[in-house]
Structures are given as C-alpha cells and as structure tokens.
Protein backbone atom coordinates (compact mmCIF):
# COMPACT_ATOMS: atom_id res chain seq x y z
CA MET A 1 16.54 -4.60 30.03
CA ASP A 2 13.64 -5.02 28.13
CA ILE A 3 13.93 -5.73 24.13
CA ILE A 4 10.44 -5.68 23.70
CA TYR A 5 10.29 -2.31 25.24
CA ALA A 6 13.12 -1.22 23.30
CA GLN A 7 11.87 -2.14 19.85
CA GLU A 8 8.71 -0.36 20.63
CA VAL A 9 10.32 3.02 21.56
CA ALA A 10 12.48 2.48 18.49
CA ILE A 11 9.05 1.97 16.35
CA GLU A 12 7.41 5.16 17.39
CA ALA A 13 10.42 7.21 17.26
CA ALA A 14 11.20 6.06 13.18
CA LYS A 15 7.56 6.55 12.55
CA GLU A 16 7.69 10.20 13.80
CA ALA A 17 10.38 10.93 12.40
CA GLY A 18 8.91 9.47 9.11
CA THR A 19 5.96 11.78 9.50
CA LEU A 20 8.19 14.61 9.14
CA LEU A 21 9.95 13.91 6.36
CA ARG A 22 6.98 12.27 4.10
CA ARG A 23 5.34 15.63 5.17
CA GLY A 24 8.66 17.65 4.27
CA VAL A 25 9.56 15.55 0.60
CA LYS A 26 7.31 18.17 -0.77
CA GLU A 27 8.61 21.39 0.54
CA ARG A 28 11.71 23.93 -0.18
CA LYS A 29 14.50 22.48 1.20
CA VAL A 30 18.09 24.52 2.52
CA ILE A 31 20.87 22.22 1.26
CA SER A 32 23.96 22.22 2.71
CA ARG A 33 27.09 19.62 2.06
CA LYS A 34 29.19 17.68 4.22
CA SER A 35 32.10 15.33 3.60
CA SER A 36 32.01 15.95 -0.23
CA VAL A 37 29.80 17.90 -3.20
CA VAL A 38 26.97 14.59 -2.91
CA ASP A 39 27.22 14.42 0.42
CA LEU A 40 24.10 16.77 1.34
CA LEU A 41 22.23 17.66 4.32
CA THR A 42 19.05 19.46 5.26
CA GLU A 43 16.78 20.65 8.09
CA HIS A 44 14.78 18.06 8.13
CA ASP A 45 18.03 15.54 8.49
CA GLN A 46 18.60 17.85 11.75
CA ALA A 47 14.85 18.00 12.85
CA ALA A 48 14.14 13.95 12.73
CA GLU A 49 17.11 13.10 14.26
CA SER A 50 16.03 15.46 17.17
CA ILE A 51 12.69 13.80 17.10
CA ILE A 52 14.88 10.60 17.62
CA LEU A 53 17.76 11.89 20.47
CA GLU A 54 15.39 13.40 22.43
CA ARG A 55 12.38 10.08 22.29
CA LEU A 56 15.85 7.95 23.37
CA LYS A 57 17.35 9.70 25.55
CA GLU A 58 14.24 10.08 27.49
CA ALA A 59 13.71 6.43 27.58
CA PHE A 60 17.44 5.49 28.16
CA PRO A 61 19.20 8.36 30.05
CA ASN A 62 22.29 6.20 30.41
CA HIS A 63 22.65 4.51 26.74
CA ARG A 64 25.21 5.20 24.31
CA LEU A 65 24.02 7.49 20.88
CA ILE A 66 25.89 7.48 17.95
CA THR A 67 24.20 9.52 15.12
CA GLU A 68 25.14 10.61 11.90
CA GLU A 69 23.48 14.53 11.15
CA SER A 70 24.81 15.83 14.47
CA ALA A 71 28.28 14.15 14.64
CA LEU A 72 26.98 13.31 18.35
CA ASP A 73 28.83 10.25 19.73
CA ASP A 74 27.66 10.46 23.55
CA LYS A 75 30.39 8.82 25.52
CA ARG A 76 28.47 10.47 28.39
CA SER A 77 27.32 6.94 28.56
CA ASP A 78 30.52 5.34 26.93
CA ASN A 79 30.81 2.39 29.67
CA SER A 80 27.22 1.63 28.50
CA THR A 81 26.86 -2.03 27.21
CA PHE A 82 24.05 -0.55 25.06
CA THR A 83 24.68 1.79 21.69
CA TRP A 84 22.49 3.15 19.20
CA TYR A 85 23.60 3.74 15.96
CA ILE A 86 20.63 6.25 14.81
CA ASP A 87 20.58 7.71 10.91
CA PRO A 88 17.46 10.10 10.77
CA LEU A 89 17.75 10.20 6.61
CA ASP A 90 18.75 7.43 5.29
CA GLY A 91 18.90 8.38 1.37
CA THR A 92 18.94 12.34 1.21
CA ASN A 93 19.91 13.42 -1.88
CA ASN A 94 16.61 10.90 -2.99
CA PHE A 95 15.15 13.09 -0.29
CA THR A 96 16.07 16.55 -1.69
CA HIS A 97 15.29 15.77 -5.40
CA GLY A 98 11.19 13.83 -4.21
CA TYR A 99 12.46 10.41 -5.50
CA PRO A 100 10.73 9.32 -3.00
CA VAL A 101 13.23 6.08 -1.60
CA PHE A 102 13.99 7.24 1.60
CA CYS A 103 14.47 6.12 4.96
CA SER A 104 14.25 6.06 9.01
CA SER A 105 16.53 3.78 10.32
CA ILE A 106 17.27 3.07 14.39
CA ALA A 107 19.46 0.11 15.69
CA LEU A 108 20.35 -0.91 19.07
CA PHE A 109 23.77 -2.90 19.69
CA GLU A 110 24.33 -4.83 22.96
CA ASN A 111 28.13 -5.30 23.50
CA GLY A 112 29.04 -5.02 20.28
CA GLN A 113 26.12 -7.60 18.98
CA PRO A 114 23.03 -6.95 17.14
CA ALA A 115 19.63 -6.15 19.67
CA ILE A 116 17.09 -4.81 17.62
CA GLY A 117 16.91 -2.65 13.81
CA VAL A 118 14.17 -1.09 12.54
CA VAL A 119 13.97 0.89 9.34
CA TYR A 120 10.83 2.73 8.68
CA ASP A 121 9.95 4.09 5.16
CA PRO A 122 7.33 7.09 5.24
CA MET A 123 6.82 6.81 1.93
CA ARG A 124 5.73 3.38 1.44
CA ASP A 125 4.38 3.32 5.16
CA GLU A 126 6.48 0.03 5.60
CA CYS A 127 8.57 -0.61 8.89
CA PHE A 128 10.71 -3.09 9.06
CA LEU A 129 12.06 -4.94 12.60
CA ALA A 130 13.31 -7.22 14.52
CA ALA A 131 14.79 -8.26 17.98
CA ALA A 132 17.74 -10.28 18.57
CA GLY A 133 15.70 -14.17 18.82
CA GLN A 134 12.59 -12.66 18.50
CA GLY A 135 13.01 -13.16 14.55
CA ALA A 136 12.07 -10.20 11.69
CA TYR A 137 8.78 -8.49 11.09
CA LEU A 138 7.23 -5.96 7.34
CA ASN A 139 4.27 -3.93 9.52
CA SER A 140 2.53 -2.21 7.34
CA ALA A 141 -0.79 -1.28 6.24
CA ASN A 142 -1.06 -5.00 5.96
CA GLY A 143 -0.76 -6.22 9.23
CA ASN A 144 2.61 -7.67 10.33
CA LYS A 145 4.80 -10.17 8.35
CA ARG A 146 6.81 -12.69 9.00
CA LEU A 147 10.06 -11.88 7.01
CA ARG A 148 12.69 -14.57 5.46
CA VAL A 149 15.47 -13.73 2.74
CA SER A 150 15.18 -15.45 -0.44
CA GLN A 151 15.66 -19.42 -1.80
CA THR A 152 17.79 -18.21 -4.76
CA ARG A 153 20.70 -20.30 -5.30
CA GLU A 154 22.31 -19.40 -8.29
CA LEU A 155 24.20 -15.65 -8.83
CA VAL A 156 22.47 -15.78 -12.43
CA ASP A 157 18.76 -15.29 -11.15
CA SER A 158 19.17 -12.99 -8.41
CA LEU A 159 18.57 -9.70 -8.12
CA LEU A 160 21.37 -6.97 -6.00
CA ALA A 161 21.53 -3.76 -4.82
CA THR A 162 24.94 -1.33 -4.03
CA GLY A 163 25.48 1.44 -4.19
CA PHE A 164 28.62 4.01 -4.36
CA PRO A 165 31.25 5.92 -2.33
CA TYR A 166 30.97 9.45 -0.72
CA ASP A 167 34.07 9.97 -2.22
CA ARG A 168 33.67 8.69 -6.23
CA HIS A 169 34.37 11.98 -7.39
CA THR A 170 38.26 12.11 -5.87
CA SER A 171 39.19 8.36 -5.60
CA ASN A 172 39.88 5.41 -8.09
CA ASP A 173 38.47 2.96 -5.32
CA ASP A 174 35.13 4.08 -6.77
CA ASN A 175 32.83 0.55 -6.52
CA LEU A 176 32.36 0.41 -10.58
CA ALA A 177 34.12 -2.15 -11.19
CA GLN A 178 32.65 -4.35 -9.32
CA HIS A 179 29.07 -3.11 -9.89
CA GLY A 180 30.64 -4.04 -13.38
CA ALA A 181 31.35 -7.79 -12.72
CA PHE A 182 28.33 -8.31 -11.14
CA LEU A 183 26.21 -6.73 -14.18
CA LYS A 184 27.67 -9.78 -15.85
CA LYS A 185 26.92 -12.43 -13.41
CA ALA A 186 23.92 -11.72 -11.63
CA LEU A 187 20.30 -11.04 -12.90
CA GLY A 188 20.52 -7.12 -12.12
CA VAL A 189 21.99 -4.65 -10.31
CA ARG A 190 20.31 -1.96 -8.69
CA ARG A 191 21.23 1.33 -6.84
CA SER A 192 18.64 2.48 -4.81
CA GLY A 193 20.97 4.74 -2.41
CA SER A 194 19.51 3.89 0.13
CA ALA A 195 21.53 1.25 1.89
CA ALA A 196 19.79 0.92 4.89
CA LEU A 197 16.30 -0.09 2.69
CA ASP A 198 18.30 -1.87 0.33
CA LEU A 199 19.88 -4.17 3.88
CA ALA A 200 15.80 -4.42 4.65
CA TYR A 201 14.96 -5.71 0.85
CA VAL A 202 17.65 -8.18 0.80
CA ALA A 203 15.55 -9.67 4.26
CA ALA A 204 12.27 -9.31 3.04
CA GLY A 205 13.25 -10.87 -0.11
CA ARG A 206 13.14 -7.99 -2.29
CA LEU A 207 16.33 -8.49 -2.99
CA ASP A 208 19.13 -11.41 -2.84
CA GLY A 209 22.51 -10.07 -2.21
CA PHE A 210 23.75 -6.47 -1.05
CA TRP A 211 27.24 -5.43 -1.45
CA GLU A 212 28.82 -1.64 -0.60
CA TYR A 213 32.06 -0.23 0.64
CA ARG A 214 33.54 2.72 3.33
CA LEU A 215 29.42 2.82 4.95
CA SER A 216 28.63 4.13 8.37
CA SER A 217 27.49 2.28 11.14
CA TRP A 218 24.00 3.85 11.07
CA ASP A 219 23.78 3.27 7.43
CA VAL A 220 24.16 -0.37 8.16
CA ALA A 221 23.33 -1.22 11.88
CA ALA A 222 19.98 -2.05 11.81
CA GLY A 223 19.62 -3.21 8.50
CA VAL A 224 22.17 -5.59 9.30
CA CYS A 225 20.02 -6.94 12.58
CA ILE A 226 17.11 -7.43 10.47
CA ILE A 227 18.56 -9.62 7.63
CA GLN A 228 19.91 -12.24 10.28
CA GLU A 229 17.18 -12.58 11.88
CA ALA A 230 15.57 -12.79 8.49
CA GLY A 231 18.16 -15.81 8.23
CA GLY A 232 20.35 -13.98 5.74
CA THR A 233 24.21 -14.12 6.11
CA VAL A 234 26.71 -10.71 6.93
CA SER A 235 30.31 -10.38 6.48
CA GLY A 236 33.31 -8.44 5.39
CA ILE A 237 33.50 -8.44 1.91
CA GLU A 238 36.23 -11.09 2.21
CA GLY A 239 33.84 -13.32 3.84
CA ASP A 240 35.28 -12.28 7.20
CA HIS A 241 33.50 -11.91 10.34
CA TRP A 242 31.81 -8.51 10.17
CA ARG A 243 31.60 -6.34 12.99
CA ILE A 244 30.22 -2.67 13.98
CA SER A 245 32.39 -0.16 13.20
CA PRO A 246 33.03 3.32 12.14
CA GLN A 247 33.58 2.64 8.51
CA VAL A 248 31.89 -0.61 6.98
CA SER A 249 32.36 -2.22 3.95
CA LEU A 250 30.06 -5.30 4.01
CA ILE A 251 28.63 -8.23 1.90
CA ALA A 252 24.78 -9.07 3.09
CA SER A 253 22.90 -11.83 1.16
CA ASN A 254 20.36 -14.93 1.61
CA GLY A 255 23.29 -16.76 2.40
CA ARG A 256 22.94 -19.28 -0.75
CA ILE A 257 24.90 -16.43 -3.06
CA HIS A 258 26.98 -15.19 -0.39
CA SER A 259 30.21 -17.35 -1.63
CA ALA A 260 29.44 -16.31 -5.36
CA MET A 261 29.67 -12.72 -4.19
CA ILE A 262 33.09 -12.74 -2.18
CA SER A 263 34.42 -15.17 -5.20
CA VAL A 264 33.55 -12.06 -7.53
CA LEU A 265 34.90 -9.22 -5.86
CA ALA A 266 37.68 -11.38 -4.61
CA LYS A 267 38.81 -11.58 -8.74
CA VAL A 268 37.84 -7.91 -9.30
CA THR A 269 40.34 -7.05 -6.15
CA GLU A 270 43.21 -9.23 -8.39
CA GLN A 271 42.84 -7.47 -10.98
CA PHE A 272 44.28 -4.04 -9.40
CA GLU A 273 46.82 -6.03 -7.12
C-alpha cells in the first residue's frame, strides 16, 4: 500500500472534519452523555466522524476501522493488516464550552505498528503528521516544519501534561496523587483536555512529557506515531513495551526525561500498595 497516499487521504479527511468543527464551535449544541457524566457527545462529533469514515471507506474499503463516537469496530475487515483508529473530536468537553482546544485525530496501524498519524487542530489550522520512516512534520500557514522532540534533560526543567479518567467521580484511581507528585518535581503540569493534542505537542517540543491512565486506542494512536517519528519515546507506565489495545495507559516523552517520569509514577504506586 502507498503510505504517502494514505497519509494524504487522512490529512484531507481530518481537515474537512476540522472545518466542520471550527464552524460549529460557536453554534448551539445538543449534548448527550456516554460512559459517565463527564463523557460528552454532540452532533458535531458524529458529523465529523461521518466525514472521516466516508473518506476512508471510499479509499480503503478493505481496511478495518475503529472509531470513538459510533463505537464502530468494522470487523468485516478483521483479517486486514491495516487498522484505522479515529477520534473525530478529541476534546469534546472543551468544544461544548467554546474552549478552543480540540482536534481531529486519525491513525493507521499496520500489523499492530504505527504507520500514519494525523492530528489536526482546526482553531489554529495546525496539522501534525507523520508516516513510518518518513519523519514527523507540522503543516500550518507557515509551511511545513520538521518536528523534533525537545532537548530538555532534567525533570525540574520539564513542562508536562496529563489528563484525568472519565470515571474519576466514582473511582479512587483518579491520577490526582500522580499529578501532585509531578507538580513537586517538574517545572509545571498542564491539563488541556485533549490527549491527542498533548501528544502532538510532545512531538513538537512544546511539551517535554505526558502521562495518562485508561485512555482509549483512538485517543493516542496518532500521537504515538508522531512522537516516535519525532524522536521521542513511548512506553507503558512501568516502562514496559507499549502496544495498541482498547484501553491504554502510557508515558510519552522526549526520551531524556523518560526514566525520571517512570520513577515518579513508580513511587506513587508504591504508596498505595
């Protein structure tokens, strides 16, 4: 398969969906809830997903598709070596409040390995993209720029990001202790509300590291590809080999602070054992 062509299709789909979201951010929204009171869904999520699915199905009818909003796992193509992971609107809670931090995220994996990652921020018209072996880039009004992770070597100089699980109202495993530990060790910790954008920012060197628990595959698939192609490191929370799965917990960093991040999280875990 032509990876560059597949990347072009994904970019066009993400930008078309993003245009719809940019126009819709100021509109009145019909909001429903999914897995919890803080897991929101709007008609814009679904409309953006329809755009992306239509483009991908037309170009790659035999590929497997896994998406967030319709909970689609197109197992008609279960034997395909190619699987698309689609989050048409990552940052729905932000979107519903007119808070301009959200994106469309599309990834292609080949035999379980990242092949393509596209994260499009429609409010800034920034498209973060990568293809396996081709590097990572930022496409914006300023042209194409090669992405490289930051050079920060010490945790105390690092700007980190994280998020909190949807079940935080009912579960004690809420990432608050970990967040507090990093606040005391790092330069700062941000919580944007969009894991896909956070990962793209690690790839761009705007953030030095990211961690989060119990994310879905579509939240991170594109960002992982972009970070790896930008020279960064992705692992499980304990430093174990990361792999795509329905629910994932991970650390992503510039590689230079990775062991320090693992150590901080391990010490928090020890306190609860």
